[in-house]
Protein backbone atom coordinates (compact mmCIF):
# COMPACT_ATOMS: atom_id res chain seq x y z
CA MET A 1 13.89 -4.23 -4.84
CA LYS A 2 17.76 -4.34 -5.94
CA GLU A 3 17.86 -8.04 -5.23
CA ILE A 4 15.07 -10.78 -4.73
CA LEU A 5 15.98 -13.70 -2.80
CA PHE A 6 12.92 -15.84 -1.96
CA ILE A 7 9.37 -15.59 -3.73
CA GLU A 8 6.63 -17.38 -2.40
CA ALA A 9 2.97 -17.97 -3.65
CA GLY A 10 -0.51 -18.61 -2.03
CA MET A 11 -4.02 -18.75 -2.56
CA GLY A 12 -6.94 -17.83 -0.58
CA ILE A 13 -10.58 -17.88 -0.62
CA ASP A 14 -13.23 -16.47 1.40
CA LEU A 15 -16.31 -19.02 0.53
CA HIS A 16 -18.67 -16.63 2.11
CA GLY A 17 -19.69 -13.27 2.96
CA GLN A 18 -17.68 -11.63 -0.18
CA ASP A 19 -14.72 -9.95 1.65
CA ILE A 20 -11.46 -9.54 -0.39
CA ASN A 21 -9.68 -8.86 2.47
CA VAL A 22 -10.34 -12.59 4.01
CA ALA A 23 -9.22 -13.99 0.91
CA ALA A 24 -6.12 -12.04 0.59
CA GLU A 25 -5.07 -12.48 3.91
CA ARG A 26 -5.65 -16.31 3.72
CA ALA A 27 -3.37 -16.06 0.19
CA ILE A 28 -0.66 -14.28 2.00
CA MET A 29 -0.87 -16.70 5.11
CA ASP A 30 -0.73 -19.65 2.60
CA ALA A 31 2.30 -17.95 1.02
CA ILE A 32 4.13 -17.63 3.98
CA HIS A 33 2.97 -19.94 6.56
CA TYR A 34 4.92 -22.90 5.64
CA ASN A 35 8.29 -21.41 5.00
CA SER A 36 11.25 -21.02 7.49
CA MET A 37 14.44 -18.60 6.03
CA PRO A 38 17.07 -19.23 8.44
CA GLY A 39 19.60 -17.96 6.67
CA ILE A 40 17.89 -14.58 5.63
CA ARG A 41 20.00 -12.45 7.92
CA LYS A 42 23.33 -13.30 6.11
CA MET A 43 21.96 -12.44 2.84
CA LEU A 44 20.53 -9.07 3.93
CA PRO A 45 23.12 -5.89 3.95
CA SER A 46 24.50 -5.48 7.02
CA GLN A 47 22.64 -8.88 8.13
CA ASP A 48 19.76 -6.16 9.36
CA LEU A 49 15.88 -7.50 9.06
CA ASN A 50 15.38 -3.71 8.64
CA ASN A 51 17.16 -3.99 5.35
CA MET A 52 14.56 -6.62 4.23
CA ARG A 53 12.37 -5.45 1.44
CA VAL A 54 9.07 -7.34 1.26
CA ASN A 55 6.75 -7.22 -1.86
CA VAL A 56 3.32 -8.83 -2.31
CA LYS A 57 1.39 -8.77 -5.19
CA LEU A 58 -1.94 -9.69 -5.08
CA ALA A 59 -4.34 -11.20 -8.35
CA VAL A 60 -7.96 -9.97 -6.95
CA PRO A 61 -11.00 -10.66 -8.97
CA LYS A 62 -13.25 -7.87 -7.56
CA ASP A 63 -13.64 -4.93 -5.09
CA GLU A 64 -9.80 -3.80 -5.22
CA GLU A 65 -10.93 -0.58 -3.67
CA LYS A 66 -11.73 -2.74 -0.66
CA LEU A 67 -8.47 -4.06 0.16
CA ASP A 68 -6.97 -2.45 3.40
CA HIS A 69 -3.34 -2.24 2.52
CA GLU A 70 -2.36 -1.47 6.07
CA LYS A 71 -3.72 -4.59 7.21
CA ILE A 72 -2.09 -6.71 4.55
CA LYS A 73 1.20 -5.27 5.54
CA SER A 74 0.75 -5.99 9.06
CA LEU A 75 0.90 -9.59 7.91
CA LEU A 76 4.73 -9.25 7.23
CA PRO A 77 6.56 -8.70 10.51
CA TYR A 78 9.71 -7.65 9.22
CA GLY A 79 11.14 -5.30 6.63
CA THR A 80 9.78 -2.78 4.54
CA VAL A 81 6.51 -3.68 3.23
CA THR A 82 4.78 -2.79 -0.55
CA VAL A 83 1.54 -4.07 -1.56
CA GLU A 84 0.40 -4.07 -5.60
CA THR A 85 -2.90 -5.29 -6.99
CA VAL A 86 -3.69 -6.89 -10.47
CA ALA A 87 -6.34 -7.91 -11.89
CA GLY A 88 -6.79 -11.67 -11.61
CA GLY A 89 -7.87 -14.38 -9.48
CA MET A 90 -11.52 -15.38 -9.62
CA ALA A 91 -15.27 -14.83 -8.30
CA THR A 92 -17.43 -17.61 -9.04
CA THR A 93 -20.37 -19.51 -7.37
CA SER A 94 -19.82 -21.10 -4.11
CA GLY A 95 -23.42 -22.95 -5.51
CA ILE A 96 -24.99 -21.83 -2.35
CA PHE A 97 -26.57 -18.49 -0.56
CA LEU A 98 -25.97 -18.42 3.53
CA GLU A 99 -27.75 -15.58 4.93
CA ASP A 100 -26.35 -16.43 7.92
CA GLN A 101 -22.44 -15.89 7.07
CA GLN A 102 -23.12 -12.94 5.85
CA ASP A 103 -23.43 -13.74 2.17
CA GLU A 104 -24.39 -10.95 -0.32
CA ASN A 105 -24.99 -13.41 -3.14
CA ASP A 106 -23.33 -16.94 -3.52
CA LEU A 107 -19.98 -15.89 -4.65
CA MET A 108 -16.53 -16.80 -3.27
CA TYR A 109 -13.40 -14.70 -3.95
CA ILE A 110 -10.17 -16.61 -4.90
CA VAL A 111 -7.11 -14.49 -4.70
CA ASN A 112 -3.61 -15.13 -5.29
CA ALA A 113 -0.40 -14.08 -3.44
CA VAL A 114 3.21 -13.79 -4.51
CA VAL A 115 5.56 -12.60 -1.78
CA GLU A 116 8.78 -11.31 -2.86
CA VAL A 117 11.60 -11.15 -0.56
CA GLY A 118 15.00 -9.25 -0.98
CA TYR A 119 16.39 -6.02 -0.39
């Protein structure tokens, strides 16, 4: 990315089911859900949303290999999207095991996300 215009940060938690994708999707939605960038076209080359670059950084505590990068990319509707992961986030006890919630154990997964928008 040549120029970063915006950086948005978010956090997502999967309390039950131990699904890293659920936590990652929630983190991204937390990062982008409360933002609007009405002037973004004016800042992009040729004022074209297709020239936007979006880089998603996810700090994941476990199961990085289970992360569905294509699903993550689909959450960002414009531009060319890349996804990278780093060790981080947290896997900690939820305090309860709920079999009816497809729990494998009592852990909850917490993922941190940073979404960089630029060109």
